[in-house]
Amino acid sequence: MNITKIGLSACAVAALLAGTTACTDEGAGTAERAAHQSGAACTGGAYTWFDIDARDVLTGVAEKQKLGKGGGALTHELSPLHAPVTAVIFEKGPRVDPGAALGSLGTRIGETDAAEGVVHEFTDVHRPAPKLDSATTRVEGAGTFVEYAWVREVTADFRYICGDGKRATGRAVGWTVDGSGTLECSTPIPDAKTGEPAPEAARLSCGPNSPAARAKRA
C-alpha cells in the first residue's frame, strides 16, 4: 500500500471545500478581528442552512497484516489520510460569530441542543482532529486484516440575516462521529455503500481486486 500523507491547515481545507479563500484562523482569532474591522458585529438575526452534506470520511488506515491459525494482535499503525477540521468561511456580507454559526448548524443536524445553553465541542473552531487509536486490537482466527478510522464530516452553506437587516453568507465545516473498524481482506463487506470507509480502506490496503474491496455497493 502506498499512502501519501498530506497536511493542510484548517483554513486551507475549509477554503478548498468551499471554493473560497476567506476563513477563520485556528490560532489567532482572525474572524473576531475581521468582525471589529468591518463595523458592528452581525448579531440578533437568524440562520438559514442549505446544501447540507454529511458523509463518512476515512481518516486513517493501516497496512494489511496476515495472521495464522488462532489470530492474534494487530500491530500495524494507522497512517493518516485526512485530518477533519472545524471552521467557518465567509463569502459575502459582515462576519458572524463562528461559534454561533456552528452552534446553529449543530442544532440543525441534531448534534447540539439549543436549550442546553452549553458550549458543545462541535462549535469549537480550535477543536483538534481526533487521534488515530494506537490501542492493540486482537482478532480470532486466521486471515489478512486491516484496521481503519473515520469521521462523519459535515459541510453546509448558510445565509444569515442580521438584526439590522444586513445579510451574510458563507460555509461551515465540522465533524461528528469518530469511529474505527477492522476488516478481513478475503471477506466481502455486506451491504457496503459507495463512499463508506470500510470498502475504501480495503481498496487501499487489501488491493482494488480483493473481495473486501469488490463488495457489492448499494
N, C-alpha and C. Protein backbone atom coordinates (compact mmCIF):
# COMPACT_ATOMS: atom_id res chain seq x y z
N MET A 1 0.85 -1.19 0.00
CA MET A 1 0.00 0.00 0.00
C MET A 1 0.88 1.23 0.00
N ASN A 2 0.54 2.18 -0.85
CA ASN A 2 1.30 3.42 -0.95
C ASN A 2 0.38 4.56 -0.53
N ILE A 3 0.60 5.11 0.65
CA ILE A 3 -0.26 6.16 1.18
C ILE A 3 0.50 7.47 1.19
N THR A 4 -0.09 8.50 0.59
CA THR A 4 0.51 9.82 0.59
C THR A 4 -0.06 10.63 1.74
N LYS A 5 0.78 11.16 2.58
CA LYS A 5 0.35 11.96 3.72
C LYS A 5 0.33 13.43 3.31
N ILE A 6 -0.81 14.08 3.52
CA ILE A 6 -0.97 15.46 3.14
C ILE A 6 -1.40 16.26 4.36
N GLY A 7 -0.68 17.33 4.68
CA GLY A 7 -1.03 18.16 5.82
C GLY A 7 -1.49 19.53 5.38
N LEU A 8 -2.72 19.92 5.72
CA LEU A 8 -3.25 21.23 5.39
C LEU A 8 -3.82 21.88 6.65
N SER A 9 -3.75 23.20 6.71
CA SER A 9 -4.35 23.90 7.84
C SER A 9 -5.86 23.84 7.72
N ALA A 10 -6.53 24.13 8.83
CA ALA A 10 -7.99 24.15 8.80
C ALA A 10 -8.48 25.19 7.80
N CYS A 11 -7.80 26.32 7.74
CA CYS A 11 -8.19 27.38 6.81
C CYS A 11 -8.10 26.88 5.38
N ALA A 12 -6.99 26.22 5.05
CA ALA A 12 -6.79 25.75 3.68
C ALA A 12 -7.80 24.68 3.30
N VAL A 13 -8.05 23.75 4.21
CA VAL A 13 -9.01 22.69 3.92
C VAL A 13 -10.39 23.26 3.73
N ALA A 14 -10.80 24.16 4.62
CA ALA A 14 -12.14 24.76 4.51
C ALA A 14 -12.27 25.55 3.23
N ALA A 15 -11.20 26.27 2.86
CA ALA A 15 -11.25 27.05 1.64
C ALA A 15 -11.38 26.15 0.41
N LEU A 16 -10.70 25.02 0.44
CA LEU A 16 -10.82 24.08 -0.65
C LEU A 16 -12.22 23.51 -0.74
N LEU A 17 -12.81 23.19 0.41
CA LEU A 17 -14.16 22.64 0.42
C LEU A 17 -15.16 23.66 -0.12
N ALA A 18 -14.91 24.94 0.15
CA ALA A 18 -15.89 25.96 -0.21
C ALA A 18 -15.60 26.64 -1.53
N GLY A 19 -14.37 26.52 -2.02
CA GLY A 19 -14.01 27.21 -3.24
C GLY A 19 -13.79 28.70 -3.01
N THR A 20 -13.46 29.09 -1.77
CA THR A 20 -13.21 30.48 -1.44
C THR A 20 -11.91 30.58 -0.66
N THR A 21 -11.55 31.82 -0.28
CA THR A 21 -10.27 32.00 0.38
C THR A 21 -10.36 32.60 1.76
N ALA A 22 -11.48 33.23 2.13
CA ALA A 22 -11.59 33.86 3.44
C ALA A 22 -12.06 32.85 4.47
N CYS A 23 -11.36 32.76 5.58
CA CYS A 23 -11.77 31.77 6.59
C CYS A 23 -11.26 32.17 7.96
N THR A 24 -11.73 31.43 8.96
CA THR A 24 -11.28 31.69 10.32
C THR A 24 -9.86 31.19 10.50
N ASP A 25 -9.18 31.76 11.47
CA ASP A 25 -7.82 31.34 11.79
C ASP A 25 -7.87 30.56 13.09
N GLU A 26 -7.33 29.35 13.10
CA GLU A 26 -7.44 28.49 14.28
C GLU A 26 -6.72 29.06 15.49
N GLY A 27 -5.64 29.83 15.27
CA GLY A 27 -4.83 30.19 16.41
C GLY A 27 -4.85 31.65 16.79
N ALA A 28 -5.39 32.55 15.93
CA ALA A 28 -5.20 33.96 16.20
C ALA A 28 -6.47 34.77 16.25
N GLY A 29 -7.64 34.16 16.18
CA GLY A 29 -8.89 34.91 16.29
C GLY A 29 -9.12 35.84 15.13
N THR A 30 -8.76 35.45 13.91
CA THR A 30 -8.90 36.31 12.75
C THR A 30 -10.35 36.73 12.54
N ALA A 31 -11.28 35.80 12.72
CA ALA A 31 -12.69 36.11 12.48
C ALA A 31 -13.16 37.22 13.41
N GLU A 32 -12.73 37.17 14.67
CA GLU A 32 -13.14 38.18 15.62
C GLU A 32 -12.58 39.55 15.22
N ARG A 33 -11.31 39.58 14.80
CA ARG A 33 -10.71 40.85 14.37
C ARG A 33 -11.42 41.40 13.15
N ALA A 34 -11.76 40.50 12.22
CA ALA A 34 -12.43 40.92 11.00
C ALA A 34 -13.78 41.54 11.31
N ALA A 35 -14.48 40.97 12.30
CA ALA A 35 -15.78 41.50 12.67
C ALA A 35 -15.66 42.93 13.19
N HIS A 36 -14.64 43.17 14.01
CA HIS A 36 -14.43 44.51 14.56
C HIS A 36 -14.04 45.49 13.46
N GLN A 37 -13.20 45.04 12.51
CA GLN A 37 -12.73 45.90 11.45
C GLN A 37 -13.85 46.28 10.49
N SER A 38 -14.85 45.41 10.35
CA SER A 38 -15.93 45.67 9.39
C SER A 38 -17.11 46.41 10.03
N GLY A 39 -16.98 46.78 11.30
CA GLY A 39 -18.06 47.52 11.95
C GLY A 39 -18.72 46.69 13.03
N ALA A 40 -19.96 47.03 13.33
CA ALA A 40 -20.68 46.33 14.39
C ALA A 40 -20.84 44.86 14.04
N ALA A 41 -20.81 44.03 15.07
CA ALA A 41 -20.95 42.59 14.85
C ALA A 41 -22.33 42.28 14.31
N CYS A 42 -22.38 41.27 13.45
CA CYS A 42 -23.64 40.84 12.86
C CYS A 42 -24.33 39.90 13.83
N THR A 43 -25.31 40.40 14.59
CA THR A 43 -25.98 39.60 15.61
C THR A 43 -27.48 39.82 15.55
N GLY A 44 -28.19 39.09 16.39
CA GLY A 44 -29.61 39.30 16.54
C GLY A 44 -30.45 38.85 15.36
N GLY A 45 -29.91 37.97 14.53
CA GLY A 45 -30.63 37.53 13.35
C GLY A 45 -30.94 36.05 13.35
N ALA A 46 -31.07 35.49 12.17
CA ALA A 46 -31.43 34.08 12.04
C ALA A 46 -30.68 33.45 10.89
N TYR A 47 -30.34 32.16 11.05
CA TYR A 47 -29.63 31.40 10.03
C TYR A 47 -30.60 30.60 9.17
N THR A 48 -30.25 30.49 7.91
CA THR A 48 -30.90 29.55 7.00
C THR A 48 -29.81 28.65 6.42
N TRP A 49 -29.98 27.34 6.56
CA TRP A 49 -28.97 26.38 6.11
C TRP A 49 -29.46 25.64 4.87
N PHE A 50 -28.53 25.39 3.94
CA PHE A 50 -28.88 24.64 2.74
C PHE A 50 -27.64 23.91 2.22
N ASP A 51 -27.88 22.98 1.30
CA ASP A 51 -26.80 22.14 0.76
C ASP A 51 -26.01 21.46 1.88
N ILE A 52 -26.72 20.96 2.88
CA ILE A 52 -26.07 20.25 3.98
C ILE A 52 -25.61 18.88 3.49
N ASP A 53 -24.34 18.58 3.69
CA ASP A 53 -23.78 17.30 3.25
C ASP A 53 -23.06 16.64 4.42
N ALA A 54 -23.51 15.47 4.81
CA ALA A 54 -22.88 14.71 5.89
C ALA A 54 -22.44 13.37 5.32
N ARG A 55 -21.16 13.07 5.42
CA ARG A 55 -20.65 11.82 4.87
C ARG A 55 -19.51 11.28 5.72
N ASP A 56 -19.35 9.96 5.69
CA ASP A 56 -18.27 9.31 6.41
C ASP A 56 -16.99 9.40 5.60
N VAL A 57 -15.91 9.86 6.24
CA VAL A 57 -14.63 10.06 5.56
C VAL A 57 -13.55 9.26 6.26
N LEU A 58 -12.80 8.49 5.50
CA LEU A 58 -11.69 7.70 6.03
C LEU A 58 -10.58 8.64 6.49
N THR A 59 -10.15 8.51 7.75
CA THR A 59 -9.10 9.38 8.27
C THR A 59 -7.75 8.67 8.43
N GLY A 60 -7.76 7.35 8.50
CA GLY A 60 -6.51 6.60 8.64
C GLY A 60 -6.71 5.14 8.31
N VAL A 61 -5.65 4.51 7.83
CA VAL A 61 -5.72 3.08 7.51
C VAL A 61 -4.34 2.46 7.72
N ALA A 62 -4.33 1.21 8.16
CA ALA A 62 -3.07 0.51 8.41
C ALA A 62 -2.74 -0.42 7.26
N GLU A 63 -1.47 -0.79 7.16
CA GLU A 63 -1.06 -1.83 6.21
C GLU A 63 -1.75 -3.14 6.59
N LYS A 64 -2.06 -3.95 5.62
CA LYS A 64 -2.68 -5.25 5.92
C LYS A 64 -1.71 -6.13 6.69
N GLN A 65 -2.25 -6.97 7.54
CA GLN A 65 -1.44 -7.84 8.39
C GLN A 65 -2.00 -9.26 8.35
N LYS A 66 -1.14 -10.19 8.02
CA LYS A 66 -1.57 -11.59 7.91
C LYS A 66 -1.32 -12.31 9.23
N LEU A 67 -2.35 -13.00 9.70
CA LEU A 67 -2.25 -13.76 10.94
C LEU A 67 -2.62 -15.22 10.66
N GLY A 68 -1.94 -16.11 11.36
CA GLY A 68 -2.19 -17.54 11.19
C GLY A 68 -3.29 -18.06 12.09
N LYS A 69 -3.35 -19.35 12.21
CA LYS A 69 -4.39 -20.01 12.99
C LYS A 69 -4.44 -19.45 14.41
N GLY A 70 -5.64 -19.15 14.87
CA GLY A 70 -5.80 -18.61 16.21
C GLY A 70 -5.79 -17.10 16.29
N GLY A 71 -5.40 -16.44 15.18
CA GLY A 71 -5.39 -14.97 15.15
C GLY A 71 -4.29 -14.37 15.99
N GLY A 72 -4.55 -13.22 16.57
CA GLY A 72 -3.54 -12.54 17.38
C GLY A 72 -3.76 -11.04 17.39
N ALA A 73 -2.73 -10.30 17.75
CA ALA A 73 -2.81 -8.84 17.86
C ALA A 73 -2.47 -8.17 16.55
N LEU A 74 -3.19 -7.11 16.23
CA LEU A 74 -2.86 -6.28 15.07
C LEU A 74 -1.94 -5.16 15.54
N THR A 75 -0.76 -5.13 14.98
CA THR A 75 0.27 -4.21 15.48
C THR A 75 0.64 -3.09 14.52
N HIS A 76 0.11 -3.11 13.31
CA HIS A 76 0.47 -2.07 12.34
C HIS A 76 -0.23 -0.75 12.68
N GLU A 77 0.55 0.33 12.68
CA GLU A 77 -0.02 1.64 13.00
C GLU A 77 -0.82 2.18 11.82
N LEU A 78 -1.82 2.99 12.14
CA LEU A 78 -2.62 3.62 11.10
C LEU A 78 -1.86 4.80 10.50
N SER A 79 -1.88 4.90 9.19
CA SER A 79 -1.30 6.05 8.51
C SER A 79 -2.40 7.08 8.27
N PRO A 80 -2.16 8.34 8.61
CA PRO A 80 -3.20 9.36 8.45
C PRO A 80 -3.50 9.66 6.98
N LEU A 81 -4.77 9.82 6.67
CA LEU A 81 -5.20 10.14 5.32
C LEU A 81 -5.88 11.51 5.23
N HIS A 82 -6.67 11.84 6.25
CA HIS A 82 -7.43 13.08 6.22
C HIS A 82 -7.60 13.58 7.65
N ALA A 83 -7.31 14.85 7.86
CA ALA A 83 -7.47 15.46 9.18
C ALA A 83 -8.69 16.37 9.15
N PRO A 84 -9.81 15.96 9.75
CA PRO A 84 -11.01 16.79 9.73
C PRO A 84 -10.81 18.09 10.52
N VAL A 85 -11.49 19.13 10.08
CA VAL A 85 -11.36 20.44 10.72
C VAL A 85 -12.74 20.96 11.12
N THR A 86 -12.73 21.96 11.97
CA THR A 86 -13.94 22.69 12.33
C THR A 86 -13.67 24.15 12.00
N ALA A 87 -14.43 24.71 11.08
CA ALA A 87 -14.14 26.06 10.61
C ALA A 87 -15.37 26.70 9.99
N VAL A 88 -15.35 28.02 9.90
CA VAL A 88 -16.38 28.78 9.21
C VAL A 88 -15.69 29.71 8.23
N ILE A 89 -16.14 29.72 7.00
CA ILE A 89 -15.59 30.63 6.00
C ILE A 89 -16.70 31.59 5.58
N PHE A 90 -16.30 32.75 5.11
CA PHE A 90 -17.26 33.80 4.79
C PHE A 90 -17.14 34.18 3.33
N GLU A 91 -18.28 34.40 2.69
CA GLU A 91 -18.30 34.74 1.27
C GLU A 91 -18.69 36.20 1.04
N LYS A 92 -19.84 36.60 1.60
CA LYS A 92 -20.31 37.97 1.40
C LYS A 92 -20.91 38.50 2.69
N GLY A 93 -20.87 39.83 2.83
CA GLY A 93 -21.52 40.46 3.97
C GLY A 93 -20.63 40.51 5.20
N PRO A 94 -21.18 41.01 6.31
CA PRO A 94 -20.41 41.11 7.55
C PRO A 94 -20.10 39.73 8.13
N ARG A 95 -19.05 39.66 8.93
CA ARG A 95 -18.68 38.40 9.58
C ARG A 95 -19.63 38.12 10.74
N VAL A 96 -19.94 36.85 10.90
CA VAL A 96 -20.73 36.43 12.05
C VAL A 96 -19.82 35.65 13.00
N ASP A 97 -20.31 35.43 14.20
CA ASP A 97 -19.51 34.69 15.18
C ASP A 97 -19.41 33.22 14.74
N PRO A 98 -18.19 32.67 14.54
CA PRO A 98 -18.05 31.29 14.07
C PRO A 98 -18.70 30.27 15.00
N GLY A 99 -18.54 30.47 16.32
CA GLY A 99 -19.12 29.53 17.26
C GLY A 99 -20.64 29.51 17.18
N ALA A 100 -21.23 30.71 17.02
CA ALA A 100 -22.69 30.78 16.91
C ALA A 100 -23.17 30.12 15.63
N ALA A 101 -22.42 30.31 14.54
CA ALA A 101 -22.78 29.68 13.27
C ALA A 101 -22.74 28.16 13.39
N LEU A 102 -21.68 27.64 13.98
CA LEU A 102 -21.55 26.19 14.16
C LEU A 102 -22.61 25.66 15.12
N GLY A 103 -22.95 26.47 16.15
CA GLY A 103 -23.99 26.05 17.06
C GLY A 103 -25.33 25.92 16.36
N SER A 104 -25.61 26.86 15.45
CA SER A 104 -26.84 26.80 14.68
C SER A 104 -26.86 25.57 13.78
N LEU A 105 -25.72 25.29 13.12
CA LEU A 105 -25.64 24.10 12.26
C LEU A 105 -25.79 22.84 13.10
N GLY A 106 -25.15 22.81 14.26
CA GLY A 106 -25.25 21.65 15.13
C GLY A 106 -26.69 21.36 15.53
N THR A 107 -27.42 22.42 15.83
CA THR A 107 -28.84 22.26 16.17
C THR A 107 -29.63 21.77 14.97
N ARG A 108 -29.29 22.30 13.80
CA ARG A 108 -30.00 21.92 12.57
C ARG A 108 -29.85 20.44 12.26
N ILE A 109 -28.66 19.87 12.52
CA ILE A 109 -28.43 18.46 12.19
C ILE A 109 -28.65 17.55 13.39
N GLY A 110 -29.06 18.14 14.53
CA GLY A 110 -29.33 17.33 15.71
C GLY A 110 -28.10 16.97 16.51
N GLU A 111 -27.00 17.70 16.29
CA GLU A 111 -25.77 17.41 17.03
C GLU A 111 -25.72 18.17 18.34
N THR A 112 -26.36 19.31 18.43
CA THR A 112 -26.39 20.10 19.66
C THR A 112 -27.84 20.45 19.98
N ASP A 113 -28.09 20.75 21.23
CA ASP A 113 -29.42 21.12 21.69
C ASP A 113 -29.39 22.58 22.14
N ALA A 114 -30.10 23.42 21.40
CA ALA A 114 -30.07 24.86 21.71
C ALA A 114 -30.54 25.15 23.12
N ALA A 115 -31.38 24.28 23.67
CA ALA A 115 -31.92 24.51 25.01
C ALA A 115 -30.91 24.22 26.11
N GLU A 116 -29.83 23.52 25.76
CA GLU A 116 -28.85 23.16 26.79
C GLU A 116 -28.10 24.36 27.32
N GLY A 117 -27.84 25.34 26.44
CA GLY A 117 -27.14 26.54 26.87
C GLY A 117 -25.69 26.30 27.25
N VAL A 118 -25.08 25.26 26.69
CA VAL A 118 -23.69 24.96 26.99
C VAL A 118 -22.88 24.93 25.70
N VAL A 119 -21.58 25.14 25.82
CA VAL A 119 -20.70 25.10 24.66
C VAL A 119 -20.46 23.64 24.29
N HIS A 120 -20.73 23.30 23.06
CA HIS A 120 -20.56 21.93 22.57
C HIS A 120 -19.28 21.87 21.74
N GLU A 121 -18.59 20.75 21.76
CA GLU A 121 -17.33 20.64 21.04
C GLU A 121 -17.50 20.83 19.55
N PHE A 122 -18.68 20.55 19.01
CA PHE A 122 -18.92 20.74 17.58
C PHE A 122 -18.76 22.20 17.18
N THR A 123 -18.95 23.13 18.11
CA THR A 123 -18.89 24.56 17.81
C THR A 123 -17.50 25.15 17.99
N ASP A 124 -16.53 24.36 18.38
CA ASP A 124 -15.20 24.85 18.73
C ASP A 124 -14.28 24.86 17.51
N VAL A 125 -13.94 26.05 16.99
CA VAL A 125 -13.07 26.14 15.82
C VAL A 125 -11.63 25.76 16.16
N HIS A 126 -11.33 25.62 17.44
CA HIS A 126 -10.00 25.18 17.85
C HIS A 126 -9.97 23.67 18.11
N ARG A 127 -11.05 22.99 17.82
CA ARG A 127 -11.15 21.56 18.10
C ARG A 127 -10.09 20.78 17.32
N PRO A 128 -9.28 19.97 17.97
CA PRO A 128 -8.25 19.21 17.26
C PRO A 128 -8.86 18.01 16.53
N ALA A 129 -8.17 17.58 15.50
CA ALA A 129 -8.60 16.37 14.80
C ALA A 129 -8.46 15.17 15.74
N PRO A 130 -9.31 14.17 15.61
CA PRO A 130 -9.20 13.00 16.50
C PRO A 130 -7.89 12.26 16.28
N LYS A 131 -7.33 11.76 17.37
CA LYS A 131 -6.10 10.99 17.27
C LYS A 131 -6.41 9.59 16.76
N LEU A 132 -5.52 9.08 15.94
CA LEU A 132 -5.69 7.72 15.45
C LEU A 132 -5.39 6.76 16.60
N ASP A 133 -6.31 5.87 16.88
CA ASP A 133 -6.22 4.97 18.02
C ASP A 133 -5.05 4.02 17.87
N SER A 134 -4.17 4.01 18.87
CA SER A 134 -3.00 3.12 18.85
C SER A 134 -3.20 1.90 19.73
N ALA A 135 -4.41 1.75 20.27
CA ALA A 135 -4.68 0.60 21.14
C ALA A 135 -4.57 -0.70 20.34
N THR A 136 -4.11 -1.73 20.97
CA THR A 136 -3.94 -3.02 20.31
C THR A 136 -5.28 -3.72 20.14
N THR A 137 -5.54 -4.18 18.91
CA THR A 137 -6.75 -4.93 18.62
C THR A 137 -6.37 -6.39 18.41
N ARG A 138 -7.14 -7.29 18.99
CA ARG A 138 -6.91 -8.71 18.82
C ARG A 138 -8.07 -9.31 18.02
N VAL A 139 -7.73 -10.22 17.12
CA VAL A 139 -8.75 -10.88 16.30
C VAL A 139 -8.63 -12.39 16.47
N GLU A 140 -9.74 -13.06 16.28
CA GLU A 140 -9.77 -14.52 16.38
C GLU A 140 -9.70 -15.11 14.98
N GLY A 141 -8.91 -16.14 14.81
CA GLY A 141 -8.85 -16.84 13.53
C GLY A 141 -7.82 -16.26 12.58
N ALA A 142 -7.53 -17.05 11.56
CA ALA A 142 -6.53 -16.66 10.57
C ALA A 142 -7.14 -15.72 9.52
N GLY A 143 -6.28 -14.97 8.87
CA GLY A 143 -6.74 -14.08 7.81
C GLY A 143 -5.78 -12.92 7.61
N THR A 144 -6.15 -12.06 6.68
CA THR A 144 -5.38 -10.84 6.42
C THR A 144 -6.26 -9.66 6.81
N PHE A 145 -5.82 -8.93 7.82
CA PHE A 145 -6.68 -7.93 8.45
C PHE A 145 -6.16 -6.51 8.24
N VAL A 146 -7.11 -5.57 8.29
CA VAL A 146 -6.79 -4.15 8.13
C VAL A 146 -7.60 -3.35 9.15
N GLU A 147 -6.95 -2.46 9.85
CA GLU A 147 -7.63 -1.53 10.75
C GLU A 147 -7.78 -0.18 10.05
N TYR A 148 -8.85 0.53 10.37
CA TYR A 148 -9.08 1.84 9.76
C TYR A 148 -9.85 2.73 10.73
N ALA A 149 -9.83 4.04 10.46
CA ALA A 149 -10.54 5.02 11.29
C ALA A 149 -11.26 6.00 10.38
N TRP A 150 -12.33 6.61 10.90
CA TRP A 150 -13.14 7.51 10.08
C TRP A 150 -13.89 8.51 10.96
N VAL A 151 -14.39 9.55 10.33
CA VAL A 151 -15.28 10.50 10.99
C VAL A 151 -16.46 10.79 10.07
N ARG A 152 -17.51 11.32 10.63
CA ARG A 152 -18.61 11.83 9.81
C ARG A 152 -18.41 13.33 9.67
N GLU A 153 -18.10 13.77 8.47
CA GLU A 153 -17.81 15.17 8.22
C GLU A 153 -19.05 15.86 7.66
N VAL A 154 -19.30 17.07 8.16
CA VAL A 154 -20.49 17.82 7.77
C VAL A 154 -20.07 19.16 7.17
N THR A 155 -20.60 19.48 6.00
CA THR A 155 -20.40 20.80 5.40
C THR A 155 -21.78 21.36 5.04
N ALA A 156 -21.92 22.67 5.11
CA ALA A 156 -23.20 23.29 4.79
C ALA A 156 -23.00 24.77 4.48
N ASP A 157 -23.80 25.28 3.58
CA ASP A 157 -23.81 26.70 3.26
C ASP A 157 -24.87 27.39 4.13
N PHE A 158 -24.62 28.65 4.46
CA PHE A 158 -25.59 29.38 5.27
C PHE A 158 -25.84 30.79 4.75
N ARG A 159 -27.01 31.29 5.12
CA ARG A 159 -27.36 32.69 4.90
C ARG A 159 -27.83 33.21 6.25
N TYR A 160 -27.33 34.36 6.64
CA TYR A 160 -27.68 34.93 7.95
C TYR A 160 -28.17 36.35 7.74
N ILE A 161 -29.37 36.63 8.23
CA ILE A 161 -29.91 37.98 8.17
C ILE A 161 -29.72 38.62 9.54
N CYS A 162 -28.87 39.62 9.61
CA CYS A 162 -28.55 40.27 10.89
C CYS A 162 -29.77 41.01 11.43
N GLY A 163 -29.67 41.38 12.68
CA GLY A 163 -30.75 42.11 13.32
C GLY A 163 -31.04 43.44 12.64
N ASP A 164 -30.00 44.06 12.01
CA ASP A 164 -30.19 45.34 11.34
C ASP A 164 -30.54 45.17 9.87
N GLY A 165 -30.76 43.92 9.43
CA GLY A 165 -31.18 43.67 8.06
C GLY A 165 -30.05 43.32 7.11
N LYS A 166 -28.80 43.48 7.52
CA LYS A 166 -27.69 43.11 6.65
C LYS A 166 -27.66 41.59 6.48
N ARG A 167 -27.10 41.15 5.36
CA ARG A 167 -27.06 39.73 5.06
C ARG A 167 -25.62 39.23 4.96
N ALA A 168 -25.40 38.05 5.50
CA ALA A 168 -24.08 37.41 5.43
C ALA A 168 -24.27 36.01 4.87
N THR A 169 -23.29 35.56 4.09
CA THR A 169 -23.33 34.20 3.55
C THR A 169 -21.97 33.54 3.74
N GLY A 170 -21.96 32.23 3.82
CA GLY A 170 -20.71 31.51 3.98
C GLY A 170 -20.93 30.02 4.06
N ARG A 171 -19.93 29.32 4.56
CA ARG A 171 -19.99 27.87 4.68
C ARG A 171 -19.33 27.45 5.99
N ALA A 172 -19.89 26.41 6.60
CA ALA A 172 -19.32 25.84 7.82
C ALA A 172 -18.96 24.39 7.57
N VAL A 173 -17.91 23.95 8.22
CA VAL A 173 -17.49 22.55 8.13
C VAL A 173 -17.12 22.06 9.52
N GLY A 174 -17.53 20.85 9.85
CA GLY A 174 -17.22 20.25 11.14
C GLY A 174 -17.34 18.74 11.05
N TRP A 175 -17.20 18.06 12.17
CA TRP A 175 -17.32 16.61 12.15
C TRP A 175 -17.97 16.13 13.44
N THR A 176 -18.63 14.99 13.35
CA THR A 176 -19.37 14.48 14.49
C THR A 176 -18.80 13.14 14.96
N VAL A 177 -19.26 12.05 14.38
CA VAL A 177 -18.87 10.72 14.84
C VAL A 177 -17.39 10.46 14.56
N ASP A 178 -16.71 9.86 15.52
CA ASP A 178 -15.31 9.44 15.38
C ASP A 178 -15.30 7.93 15.57
N GLY A 179 -15.09 7.16 14.49
CA GLY A 179 -15.21 5.71 14.58
C GLY A 179 -13.99 4.97 14.05
N SER A 180 -13.99 3.66 14.23
CA SER A 180 -12.90 2.82 13.74
C SER A 180 -13.45 1.43 13.45
N GLY A 181 -12.67 0.63 12.76
CA GLY A 181 -13.13 -0.71 12.43
C GLY A 181 -12.00 -1.61 11.97
N THR A 182 -12.32 -2.87 11.78
CA THR A 182 -11.37 -3.88 11.31
C THR A 182 -12.06 -4.71 10.23
N LEU A 183 -11.35 -5.00 9.16
CA LEU A 183 -11.90 -5.83 8.09
C LEU A 183 -10.91 -6.93 7.73
N GLU A 184 -11.43 -7.94 7.05
CA GLU A 184 -10.59 -9.05 6.58
C GLU A 184 -10.64 -9.05 5.06
N CYS A 185 -9.45 -9.03 4.44
CA CYS A 185 -9.36 -8.78 3.00
C CYS A 185 -10.10 -9.79 2.13
N SER A 186 -10.19 -11.04 2.55
CA SER A 186 -10.83 -12.05 1.73
C SER A 186 -12.32 -12.20 2.01
N THR A 187 -12.85 -11.35 2.89
CA THR A 187 -14.27 -11.42 3.26
C THR A 187 -15.02 -10.22 2.70
N PRO A 188 -15.99 -10.44 1.82
CA PRO A 188 -16.78 -9.32 1.29
C PRO A 188 -17.47 -8.55 2.40
N ILE A 189 -17.59 -7.25 2.23
CA ILE A 189 -18.24 -6.40 3.22
C ILE A 189 -19.73 -6.34 2.90
N PRO A 190 -20.58 -6.85 3.77
CA PRO A 190 -22.01 -6.90 3.47
C PRO A 190 -22.65 -5.51 3.43
N ASP A 191 -23.53 -5.33 2.44
CA ASP A 191 -24.32 -4.10 2.32
C ASP A 191 -23.46 -2.85 2.26
N ALA A 192 -22.28 -2.97 1.64
CA ALA A 192 -21.40 -1.81 1.52
C ALA A 192 -22.00 -0.79 0.56
N LYS A 193 -21.89 0.48 0.93
CA LYS A 193 -22.41 1.56 0.09
C LYS A 193 -21.27 2.44 -0.40
N THR A 194 -21.48 3.05 -1.54
CA THR A 194 -20.47 3.93 -2.10
C THR A 194 -20.08 5.03 -1.11
N GLY A 195 -18.79 5.20 -0.93
CA GLY A 195 -18.30 6.25 -0.04
C GLY A 195 -18.09 5.83 1.39
N GLU A 196 -18.46 4.61 1.75
CA GLU A 196 -18.26 4.16 3.12
C GLU A 196 -16.79 3.89 3.39
N PRO A 197 -16.34 4.07 4.64
CA PRO A 197 -14.92 3.92 4.96
C PRO A 197 -14.36 2.51 4.75
N ALA A 198 -15.12 1.47 5.12
CA ALA A 198 -14.58 0.11 5.07
C ALA A 198 -14.15 -0.33 3.67
N PRO A 199 -14.99 -0.22 2.63
CA PRO A 199 -14.53 -0.62 1.31
C PRO A 199 -13.38 0.22 0.78
N GLU A 200 -13.35 1.50 1.17
CA GLU A 200 -12.24 2.34 0.74
C GLU A 200 -10.94 1.90 1.41
N ALA A 201 -11.03 1.55 2.71
CA ALA A 201 -9.85 1.04 3.41
C ALA A 201 -9.38 -0.27 2.77
N ALA A 202 -10.32 -1.12 2.38
CA ALA A 202 -9.97 -2.38 1.73
C ALA A 202 -9.29 -2.13 0.39
N ARG A 203 -9.79 -1.17 -0.35
CA ARG A 203 -9.18 -0.85 -1.65
C ARG A 203 -7.74 -0.39 -1.49
N LEU A 204 -7.49 0.42 -0.45
CA LEU A 204 -6.15 0.95 -0.25
C LEU A 204 -5.18 -0.09 0.28
N SER A 205 -5.62 -0.90 1.25
CA SER A 205 -4.70 -1.83 1.91
C SER A 205 -4.73 -3.24 1.33
N CYS A 206 -5.92 -3.74 1.04
CA CYS A 206 -6.03 -5.11 0.51
C CYS A 206 -5.78 -5.15 -1.00
N GLY A 207 -6.11 -4.06 -1.67
CA GLY A 207 -5.99 -4.00 -3.12
C GLY A 207 -7.37 -3.89 -3.75
N PRO A 208 -7.48 -3.23 -4.91
CA PRO A 208 -8.79 -3.00 -5.54
C PRO A 208 -9.50 -4.26 -5.99
N ASN A 209 -8.77 -5.36 -6.16
CA ASN A 209 -9.39 -6.61 -6.61
C ASN A 209 -9.67 -7.58 -5.47
N SER A 210 -9.43 -7.16 -4.25
CA SER A 210 -9.71 -8.04 -3.11
C SER A 210 -11.22 -8.18 -2.92
N PRO A 211 -11.68 -9.31 -2.37
CA PRO A 211 -13.12 -9.50 -2.11
C PRO A 211 -13.71 -8.37 -1.27
N ALA A 212 -12.97 -7.89 -0.28
CA ALA A 212 -13.49 -6.82 0.57
C ALA A 212 -13.68 -5.53 -0.22
N ALA A 213 -12.77 -5.22 -1.13
CA ALA A 213 -12.87 -4.01 -1.92
C ALA A 213 -13.90 -4.13 -3.01
N ARG A 214 -14.15 -5.36 -3.48
CA ARG A 214 -15.09 -5.58 -4.56
C ARG A 214 -16.50 -5.87 -4.06
N ALA A 215 -16.74 -5.64 -2.79
CA ALA A 215 -18.06 -5.91 -2.23
C ALA A 215 -19.10 -5.10 -2.98
N LYS A 216 -20.24 -5.69 -3.21
CA LYS A 216 -21.31 -5.04 -3.95
C LYS A 216 -21.76 -3.80 -3.20
N ARG A 217 -21.81 -2.69 -3.90
CA ARG A 217 -22.22 -1.43 -3.31
C ARG A 217 -23.65 -1.10 -3.68
N ALA A 218 -24.36 -0.56 -2.73
CA ALA A 218 -25.77 -0.20 -2.97
C ALA A 218 -25.84 1.09 -3.78
